Amino acid sequence: MAHNDCGMAHLFEHSEKIVAALENQGWSRGRAEQFVKVQSAKLAVKSELDALEQEYHRLKSLFKNVHVAPFFLTLADKRLYIPRWYQLF
């Protein structure tokens, strides 16, 4: 399940706030900046729908006998949707 307005899609925009939050927890600035840089590069998503599709295919390849159904939640209307790309299968 994925949702719109995901913070993971905006990691780079908020990196300074994340670094400050880590500093507030006792991290040194250098360590916090390095951690945010490395983790953002690994975990940030460009598009919530693209990330959902990638995760769908990853799970399908790992679990051959499990039905995987991708859902997308829109926060504005609080409804679940099935992505169009999945409806093509």
PDB file of N, CA and C in Angstrom:
ATOM      1  N   MET A   1       0.854  -1.171   0.000  1.00  0.00           N
ATOM      2  CA  MET A   1       0.000   0.000   0.000  1.00  0.00           C
ATOM      3  C   MET A   1       0.897   1.229   0.000  1.00  0.00           C
ATOM      4  N   ALA A   2       0.511   2.172  -0.803  1.00  0.00           N
ATOM      5  CA  ALA A   2       1.229   3.442  -0.867  1.00  0.00           C
ATOM      6  C   ALA A   2       0.211   4.569  -0.698  1.00  0.00           C
ATOM      7  N   HIS A   3       0.718   5.778  -0.541  1.00  0.00           N
ATOM      8  CA  HIS A   3      -0.177   6.928  -0.409  1.00  0.00           C
ATOM      9  C   HIS A   3       0.460   8.143  -1.062  1.00  0.00           C
ATOM     10  N   ASN A   4      -0.372   9.105  -1.386  1.00  0.00           N
ATOM     11  CA  ASN A   4       0.133  10.337  -1.977  1.00  0.00           C
ATOM     12  C   ASN A   4       0.711  11.235  -0.890  1.00  0.00           C
ATOM     13  N   ASP A   5       1.369  12.286  -1.309  1.00  0.00           N
ATOM     14  CA  ASP A   5       1.990  13.243  -0.399  1.00  0.00           C
ATOM     15  C   ASP A   5       2.923  12.545   0.594  1.00  0.00           C
ATOM     16  N   CYS A   6       3.673  11.598   0.092  1.00  0.00           N
ATOM     17  CA  CYS A   6       4.552  10.782   0.927  1.00  0.00           C
ATOM     18  C   CYS A   6       5.831  11.545   1.279  1.00  0.00           C
ATOM     19  N   GLY A   7       6.196  11.522   2.520  1.00  0.00           N
ATOM     20  CA  GLY A   7       7.419  12.171   2.970  1.00  0.00           C
ATOM     21  C   GLY A   7       8.665  11.573   2.349  1.00  0.00           C
ATOM     22  N   MET A   8       8.610  10.310   1.958  1.00  0.00           N
ATOM     23  CA  MET A   8       9.764   9.671   1.335  1.00  0.00           C
ATOM     24  C   MET A   8      10.038  10.256  -0.049  1.00  0.00           C
ATOM     25  N   ALA A   9       9.028  10.902  -0.632  1.00  0.00           N
ATOM     26  CA  ALA A   9       9.209  11.549  -1.931  1.00  0.00           C
ATOM     27  C   ALA A   9       9.804  12.948  -1.771  1.00  0.00           C
ATOM     28  N   HIS A  10       9.961  13.386  -0.547  1.00  0.00           N
ATOM     29  CA  HIS A  10      10.455  14.744  -0.291  1.00  0.00           C
ATOM     30  C   HIS A  10      11.642  14.747   0.675  1.00  0.00           C
ATOM     31  N   LEU A  11      12.350  13.635   0.743  1.00  0.00           N
ATOM     32  CA  LEU A  11      13.465  13.539   1.692  1.00  0.00           C
ATOM     33  C   LEU A  11      14.524  14.607   1.456  1.00  0.00           C
ATOM     34  N   PHE A  12      14.895  14.815   0.203  1.00  0.00           N
ATOM     35  CA  PHE A  12      15.967  15.772  -0.078  1.00  0.00           C
ATOM     36  C   PHE A  12      15.539  17.193   0.271  1.00  0.00           C
ATOM     37  N   GLU A  13      14.267  17.508   0.074  1.00  0.00           N
ATOM     38  CA  GLU A  13      13.762  18.846   0.400  1.00  0.00           C
ATOM     39  C   GLU A  13      13.816  19.122   1.899  1.00  0.00           C
ATOM     40  N   HIS A  14      13.680  18.069   2.695  1.00  0.00           N
ATOM     41  CA  HIS A  14      13.603  18.225   4.147  1.00  0.00           C
ATOM     42  C   HIS A  14      14.853  17.739   4.868  1.00  0.00           C
ATOM     43  N   SER A  15      15.926  17.552   4.120  1.00  0.00           N
ATOM     44  CA  SER A  15      17.122  16.978   4.741  1.00  0.00           C
ATOM     45  C   SER A  15      17.652  17.831   5.889  1.00  0.00           C
ATOM     46  N   GLU A  16      17.582  19.147   5.767  1.00  0.00           N
ATOM     47  CA  GLU A  16      18.081  20.007   6.847  1.00  0.00           C
ATOM     48  C   GLU A  16      17.265  19.826   8.120  1.00  0.00           C
ATOM     49  N   LYS A  17      15.961  19.675   7.990  1.00  0.00           N
ATOM     50  CA  LYS A  17      15.104  19.450   9.164  1.00  0.00           C
ATOM     51  C   LYS A  17      15.396  18.094   9.797  1.00  0.00           C
ATOM     52  N   ILE A  18      15.674  17.103   8.959  1.00  0.00           N
ATOM     53  CA  ILE A  18      15.979  15.765   9.477  1.00  0.00           C
ATOM     54  C   ILE A  18      17.309  15.790  10.215  1.00  0.00           C
ATOM     55  N   VAL A  19      18.295  16.467   9.635  1.00  0.00           N
ATOM     56  CA  VAL A  19      19.602  16.607  10.300  1.00  0.00           C
ATOM     57  C   VAL A  19      19.414  17.304  11.650  1.00  0.00           C
ATOM     58  N   ALA A  20      18.645  18.374  11.683  1.00  0.00           N
ATOM     59  CA  ALA A  20      18.405  19.099  12.936  1.00  0.00           C
ATOM     60  C   ALA A  20      17.714  18.208  13.967  1.00  0.00           C
ATOM     61  N   ALA A  21      16.776  17.374  13.515  1.00  0.00           N
ATOM     62  CA  ALA A  21      16.082  16.471  14.437  1.00  0.00           C
ATOM     63  C   ALA A  21      17.057  15.447  15.021  1.00  0.00           C
ATOM     64  N   LEU A  22      17.969  14.952  14.195  1.00  0.00           N
ATOM     65  CA  LEU A  22      18.976  14.002  14.696  1.00  0.00           C
ATOM     66  C   LEU A  22      19.932  14.689  15.668  1.00  0.00           C
ATOM     67  N   GLU A  23      20.321  15.915  15.358  1.00  0.00           N
ATOM     68  CA  GLU A  23      21.171  16.679  16.283  1.00  0.00           C
ATOM     69  C   GLU A  23      20.455  16.861  17.616  1.00  0.00           C
ATOM     70  N   ASN A  24      19.167  17.110  17.555  1.00  0.00           N
ATOM     71  CA  ASN A  24      18.358  17.277  18.758  1.00  0.00           C
ATOM     72  C   ASN A  24      18.348  16.005  19.611  1.00  0.00           C
ATOM     73  N   GLN A  25      18.598  14.875  18.960  1.00  0.00           N
ATOM     74  CA  GLN A  25      18.652  13.594  19.664  1.00  0.00           C
ATOM     75  C   GLN A  25      20.067  13.250  20.135  1.00  0.00           C
ATOM     76  N   GLY A  26      20.989  14.180  19.944  1.00  0.00           N
ATOM     77  CA  GLY A  26      22.343  13.969  20.449  1.00  0.00           C
ATOM     78  C   GLY A  26      23.369  13.581  19.395  1.00  0.00           C
ATOM     79  N   TRP A  27      22.977  13.513  18.129  1.00  0.00           N
ATOM     80  CA  TRP A  27      23.920  13.177  17.070  1.00  0.00           C
ATOM     81  C   TRP A  27      24.815  14.385  16.784  1.00  0.00           C
ATOM     82  N   SER A  28      26.043  14.118  16.362  1.00  0.00           N
ATOM     83  CA  SER A  28      26.885  15.219  15.887  1.00  0.00           C
ATOM     84  C   SER A  28      26.359  15.641  14.515  1.00  0.00           C
ATOM     85  N   ARG A  29      26.595  16.888  14.151  1.00  0.00           N
ATOM     86  CA  ARG A  29      26.085  17.386  12.868  1.00  0.00           C
ATOM     87  C   ARG A  29      26.661  16.580  11.699  1.00  0.00           C
ATOM     88  N   GLY A  30      27.952  16.322  11.745  1.00  0.00           N
ATOM     89  CA  GLY A  30      28.590  15.568  10.662  1.00  0.00           C
ATOM     90  C   GLY A  30      28.012  14.177  10.496  1.00  0.00           C
ATOM     91  N   ARG A  31      27.829  13.495  11.612  1.00  0.00           N
ATOM     92  CA  ARG A  31      27.259  12.141  11.562  1.00  0.00           C
ATOM     93  C   ARG A  31      25.827  12.189  11.036  1.00  0.00           C
ATOM     94  N   ALA A  32      25.049  13.176  11.490  1.00  0.00           N
ATOM     95  CA  ALA A  32      23.654  13.315  11.045  1.00  0.00           C
ATOM     96  C   ALA A  32      23.594  13.605   9.551  1.00  0.00           C
ATOM     97  N   GLU A  33      24.453  14.505   9.070  1.00  0.00           N
ATOM     98  CA  GLU A  33      24.451  14.831   7.640  1.00  0.00           C
ATOM     99  C   GLU A  33      24.825  13.617   6.796  1.00  0.00           C
ATOM    100  N   GLN A  34      25.830  12.878   7.234  1.00  0.00           N
ATOM    101  CA  GLN A  34      26.250  11.685   6.490  1.00  0.00           C
ATOM    102  C   GLN A  34      25.133  10.637   6.476  1.00  0.00           C
ATOM    103  N   PHE A  35      24.502  10.427   7.613  1.00  0.00           N
ATOM    104  CA  PHE A  35      23.413   9.456   7.712  1.00  0.00           C
ATOM    105  C   PHE A  35      22.262   9.832   6.781  1.00  0.00           C
ATOM    106  N   VAL A  36      21.866  11.089   6.809  1.00  0.00           N
ATOM    107  CA  VAL A  36      20.759  11.552   5.961  1.00  0.00           C
ATOM    108  C   VAL A  36      21.123  11.425   4.490  1.00  0.00           C
ATOM    109  N   LYS A  37      22.352  11.762   4.148  1.00  0.00           N
ATOM    110  CA  LYS A  37      22.797  11.664   2.753  1.00  0.00           C
ATOM    111  C   LYS A  37      22.726  10.219   2.263  1.00  0.00           C
ATOM    112  N   VAL A  38      23.262   9.301   3.035  1.00  0.00           N
ATOM    113  CA  VAL A  38      23.303   7.889   2.637  1.00  0.00           C
ATOM    114  C   VAL A  38      21.890   7.294   2.605  1.00  0.00           C
ATOM    115  N   GLN A  39      21.132   7.521   3.661  1.00  0.00           N
ATOM    116  CA  GLN A  39      19.795   6.920   3.742  1.00  0.00           C
ATOM    117  C   GLN A  39      18.839   7.530   2.717  1.00  0.00           C
ATOM    118  N   SER A  40      18.951   8.821   2.473  1.00  0.00           N
ATOM    119  CA  SER A  40      18.085   9.452   1.474  1.00  0.00           C
ATOM    120  C   SER A  40      18.342   8.867   0.094  1.00  0.00           C
ATOM    121  N   ALA A  41      19.606   8.647  -0.219  1.00  0.00           N
ATOM    122  CA  ALA A  41      19.948   8.075  -1.522  1.00  0.00           C
ATOM    123  C   ALA A  41      19.367   6.675  -1.669  1.00  0.00           C
ATOM    124  N   LYS A  42      19.311   5.920  -0.581  1.00  0.00           N
ATOM    125  CA  LYS A  42      18.784   4.551  -0.631  1.00  0.00           C
ATOM    126  C   LYS A  42      17.265   4.501  -0.571  1.00  0.00           C
ATOM    127  N   LEU A  43      16.640   5.383   0.191  1.00  0.00           N
ATOM    128  CA  LEU A  43      15.222   5.231   0.516  1.00  0.00           C
ATOM    129  C   LEU A  43      14.274   6.207  -0.169  1.00  0.00           C
ATOM    130  N   ALA A  44      14.787   7.307  -0.697  1.00  0.00           N
ATOM    131  CA  ALA A  44      13.904   8.307  -1.300  1.00  0.00           C
ATOM    132  C   ALA A  44      13.202   7.733  -2.531  1.00  0.00           C
ATOM    133  N   VAL A  45      11.972   8.165  -2.736  1.00  0.00           N
ATOM    134  CA  VAL A  45      11.226   7.763  -3.929  1.00  0.00           C
ATOM    135  C   VAL A  45      10.934   9.005  -4.762  1.00  0.00           C
ATOM    136  N   LYS A  46      10.946   8.847  -6.073  1.00  0.00           N
ATOM    137  CA  LYS A  46      10.638   9.965  -6.956  1.00  0.00           C
ATOM    138  C   LYS A  46       9.142  10.096  -7.158  1.00  0.00           C
ATOM    139  N   SER A  47       8.471   8.965  -7.216  1.00  0.00           N
ATOM    140  CA  SER A  47       7.034   8.950  -7.454  1.00  0.00           C
ATOM    141  C   SER A  47       6.421   7.856  -6.589  1.00  0.00           C
ATOM    142  N   GLU A  48       5.386   8.199  -5.873  1.00  0.00           N
ATOM    143  CA  GLU A  48       4.734   7.210  -5.010  1.00  0.00           C
ATOM    144  C   GLU A  48       4.174   6.047  -5.822  1.00  0.00           C
ATOM    145  N   LEU A  49       3.578   6.336  -6.961  1.00  0.00           N
ATOM    146  CA  LEU A  49       3.021   5.259  -7.799  1.00  0.00           C
ATOM    147  C   LEU A  49       4.117   4.388  -8.398  1.00  0.00           C
ATOM    148  N   ASP A  50       5.207   4.985  -8.819  1.00  0.00           N
ATOM    149  CA  ASP A  50       6.319   4.203  -9.346  1.00  0.00           C
ATOM    150  C   ASP A  50       6.918   3.311  -8.257  1.00  0.00           C
ATOM    151  N   ALA A  51       7.040   3.852  -7.060  1.00  0.00           N
ATOM    152  CA  ALA A  51       7.574   3.069  -5.942  1.00  0.00           C
ATOM    153  C   ALA A  51       6.640   1.898  -5.618  1.00  0.00           C
ATOM    154  N   LEU A  52       5.339   2.133  -5.686  1.00  0.00           N
ATOM    155  CA  LEU A  52       4.370   1.058  -5.443  1.00  0.00           C
ATOM    156  C   LEU A  52       4.511  -0.032  -6.500  1.00  0.00           C
ATOM    157  N   GLU A  53       4.675   0.360  -7.746  1.00  0.00           N
ATOM    158  CA  GLU A  53       4.827  -0.632  -8.810  1.00  0.00           C
ATOM    159  C   GLU A  53       6.116  -1.437  -8.643  1.00  0.00           C
ATOM    160  N   GLN A  54       7.199  -0.762  -8.299  1.00  0.00           N
ATOM    161  CA  GLN A  54       8.467  -1.465  -8.072  1.00  0.00           C
ATOM    162  C   GLN A  54       8.348  -2.451  -6.921  1.00  0.00           C
ATOM    163  N   GLU A  55       7.691  -2.031  -5.845  1.00  0.00           N
ATOM    164  CA  GLU A  55       7.524  -2.919  -4.689  1.00  0.00           C
ATOM    165  C   GLU A  55       6.609  -4.090  -5.031  1.00  0.00           C
ATOM    166  N   TYR A  56       5.587  -3.846  -5.820  1.00  0.00           N
ATOM    167  CA  TYR A  56       4.697  -4.914  -6.275  1.00  0.00           C
ATOM    168  C   TYR A  56       5.508  -5.990  -7.008  1.00  0.00           C
ATOM    169  N   HIS A  57       6.316  -5.575  -7.962  1.00  0.00           N
ATOM    170  CA  HIS A  57       7.114  -6.535  -8.739  1.00  0.00           C
ATOM    171  C   HIS A  57       8.151  -7.233  -7.868  1.00  0.00           C
ATOM    172  N   ARG A  58       8.728  -6.509  -6.916  1.00  0.00           N
ATOM    173  CA  ARG A  58       9.708  -7.124  -6.002  1.00  0.00           C
ATOM    174  C   ARG A  58       9.056  -8.223  -5.172  1.00  0.00           C
ATOM    175  N   LEU A  59       7.888  -7.911  -4.621  1.00  0.00           N
ATOM    176  CA  LEU A  59       7.185  -8.909  -3.797  1.00  0.00           C
ATOM    177  C   LEU A  59       6.720 -10.093  -4.628  1.00  0.00           C
ATOM    178  N   LYS A  60       6.243  -9.840  -5.845  1.00  0.00           N
ATOM    179  CA  LYS A  60       5.816 -10.934  -6.731  1.00  0.00           C
ATOM    180  C   LYS A  60       6.978 -11.867  -7.050  1.00  0.00           C
ATOM    181  N   SER A  61       8.167 -11.320  -7.194  1.00  0.00           N
ATOM    182  CA  SER A  61       9.319 -12.175  -7.509  1.00  0.00           C
ATOM    183  C   SER A  61       9.786 -12.968  -6.288  1.00  0.00           C
ATOM    184  N   LEU A  62       9.577 -12.433  -5.109  1.00  0.00           N
ATOM    185  CA  LEU A  62       9.978 -13.131  -3.884  1.00  0.00           C
ATOM    186  C   LEU A  62       8.986 -14.205  -3.459  1.00  0.00           C
ATOM    187  N   PHE A  63       7.702 -13.919  -3.620  1.00  0.00           N
ATOM    188  CA  PHE A  63       6.649 -14.799  -3.131  1.00  0.00           C
ATOM    189  C   PHE A  63       5.770 -15.242  -4.296  1.00  0.00           C
ATOM    190  N   LYS A  64       6.210 -16.294  -4.973  1.00  0.00           N
ATOM    191  CA  LYS A  64       5.552 -16.754  -6.194  1.00  0.00           C
ATOM    192  C   LYS A  64       4.118 -17.233  -5.967  1.00  0.00           C
ATOM    193  N   ASN A  65       3.817 -17.764  -4.788  1.00  0.00           N
ATOM    194  CA  ASN A  65       2.497 -18.335  -4.525  1.00  0.00           C
ATOM    195  C   ASN A  65       1.594 -17.438  -3.677  1.00  0.00           C
ATOM    196  N   VAL A  66       1.964 -16.178  -3.559  1.00  0.00           N
ATOM    197  CA  VAL A  66       1.173 -15.234  -2.769  1.00  0.00           C
ATOM    198  C   VAL A  66       0.578 -14.198  -3.728  1.00  0.00           C
ATOM    199  N   HIS A  67      -0.700 -13.948  -3.585  1.00  0.00           N
ATOM    200  CA  HIS A  67      -1.334 -12.911  -4.401  1.00  0.00           C
ATOM    201  C   HIS A  67      -0.996 -11.551  -3.790  1.00  0.00           C
ATOM    202  N   VAL A  68      -0.405 -10.703  -4.582  1.00  0.00           N
ATOM    203  CA  VAL A  68      -0.032  -9.355  -4.140  1.00  0.00           C
ATOM    204  C   VAL A  68      -0.972  -8.369  -4.818  1.00  0.00           C
ATOM    205  N   ALA A  69      -1.623  -7.558  -4.024  1.00  0.00           N
ATOM    206  CA  ALA A  69      -2.556  -6.572  -4.563  1.00  0.00           C
ATOM    207  C   ALA A  69      -2.113  -5.178  -4.131  1.00  0.00           C
ATOM    208  N   PRO A  70      -1.693  -4.357  -5.077  1.00  0.00           N
ATOM    209  CA  PRO A  70      -1.255  -3.007  -4.730  1.00  0.00           C
ATOM    210  C   PRO A  70      -2.444  -2.059  -4.565  1.00  0.00           C
ATOM    211  N   PHE A  71      -2.416  -1.310  -3.503  1.00  0.00           N
ATOM    212  CA  PHE A  71      -3.448  -0.303  -3.262  1.00  0.00           C
ATOM    213  C   PHE A  71      -2.787   1.047  -3.065  1.00  0.00           C
ATOM    214  N   PHE A  72      -3.494   2.082  -3.479  1.00  0.00           N
ATOM    215  CA  PHE A  72      -2.994   3.450  -3.338  1.00  0.00           C
ATOM    216  C   PHE A  72      -4.040   4.263  -2.575  1.00  0.00           C
ATOM    217  N   LEU A  73      -3.630   4.848  -1.473  1.00  0.00           N
ATOM    218  CA  LEU A  73      -4.504   5.659  -0.640  1.00  0.00           C
ATOM    219  C   LEU A  73      -4.289   7.125  -0.965  1.00  0.00           C
ATOM    220  N   THR A  74      -5.373   7.827  -1.266  1.00  0.00           N
ATOM    221  CA  THR A  74      -5.252   9.271  -1.429  1.00  0.00           C
ATOM    222  C   THR A  74      -5.695   9.908  -0.119  1.00  0.00           C
ATOM    223  N   LEU A  75      -4.842  10.722   0.413  1.00  0.00           N
ATOM    224  CA  LEU A  75      -5.099  11.307   1.724  1.00  0.00           C
ATOM    225  C   LEU A  75      -6.242  12.309   1.707  1.00  0.00           C
ATOM    226  N   ALA A  76      -6.463  12.966   0.567  1.00  0.00           N
ATOM    227  CA  ALA A  76      -7.525  13.972   0.486  1.00  0.00           C
ATOM    228  C   ALA A  76      -8.908  13.365   0.660  1.00  0.00           C
ATOM    229  N   ASP A  77      -9.164  12.245  -0.012  1.00  0.00           N
ATOM    230  CA  ASP A  77     -10.500  11.649   0.088  1.00  0.00           C
ATOM    231  C   ASP A  77     -10.531  10.372   0.927  1.00  0.00           C
ATOM    232  N   LYS A  78      -9.349   9.946   1.408  1.00  0.00           N
ATOM    233  CA  LYS A  78      -9.237   8.763   2.275  1.00  0.00           C
ATOM    234  C   LYS A  78      -9.849   7.522   1.621  1.00  0.00           C
ATOM    235  N   ARG A  79      -9.577   7.349   0.336  1.00  0.00           N
ATOM    236  CA  ARG A  79     -10.072   6.189  -0.399  1.00  0.00           C
ATOM    237  C   ARG A  79      -8.903   5.393  -0.955  1.00  0.00           C
ATOM    238  N   LEU A  80      -9.140   4.098  -1.090  1.00  0.00           N
ATOM    239  CA  LEU A  80      -8.156   3.212  -1.693  1.00  0.00           C
ATOM    240  C   LEU A  80      -8.449   3.063  -3.177  1.00  0.00           C
ATOM    241  N   TYR A  81      -7.390   3.054  -3.949  1.00  0.00           N
ATOM    242  CA  TYR A  81      -7.515   2.874  -5.390  1.00  0.00           C
ATOM    243  C   TYR A  81      -6.586   1.756  -5.836  1.00  0.00           C
ATOM    244  N   ILE A  82      -6.967   1.106  -6.918  1.00  0.00           N
ATOM    245  CA  ILE A  82      -6.101   0.120  -7.562  1.00  0.00           C
ATOM    246  C   ILE A  82      -5.436   0.851  -8.729  1.00  0.00           C
ATOM    247  N   PRO A  83      -4.122   0.846  -8.794  1.00  0.00           N
ATOM    248  CA  PRO A  83      -3.436   1.580  -9.862  1.00  0.00           C
ATOM    249  C   PRO A  83      -3.814   1.063 -11.253  1.00  0.00           C
ATOM    250  N   ARG A  84      -3.844   1.957 -12.216  1.00  0.00           N
ATOM    251  CA  ARG A  84      -4.192   1.567 -13.587  1.00  0.00           C
ATOM    252  C   ARG A  84      -3.239   0.523 -14.142  1.00  0.00           C
ATOM    253  N   TRP A  85      -1.956   0.644 -13.837  1.00  0.00           N
ATOM    254  CA  TRP A  85      -0.987  -0.324 -14.365  1.00  0.00           C
ATOM    255  C   TRP A  85      -1.295  -1.733 -13.882  1.00  0.00           C
ATOM    256  N   TYR A  86      -1.871  -1.876 -12.696  1.00  0.00           N
ATOM    257  CA  TYR A  86      -2.205  -3.210 -12.180  1.00  0.00           C
ATOM    258  C   TYR A  86      -3.443  -3.747 -12.882  1.00  0.00           C
ATOM    259  N   GLN A  87      -4.350  -2.901 -13.250  1.00  0.00           N
ATOM    260  CA  GLN A  87      -5.581  -3.326 -13.913  1.00  0.00           C
ATOM    261  C   GLN A  87      -5.304  -3.909 -15.286  1.00  0.00           C
ATOM    262  N   LEU A  88      -4.119  -3.655 -15.813  1.00  0.00           N
ATOM    263  CA  LEU A  88      -3.760  -4.192 -17.115  1.00  0.00           C
ATOM    264  C   LEU A  88      -3.332  -5.646 -17.046  1.00  0.00           C
ATOM    265  N   PHE A  89      -3.004  -6.140 -15.849  1.00  0.00           N
ATOM    266  CA  PHE A  89      -2.555  -7.532 -15.707  1.00  0.00           C
ATOM    267  C   PHE A  89      -3.706  -8.494 -15.746  1.00  0.00           C
TER     268      PHE A  89
END
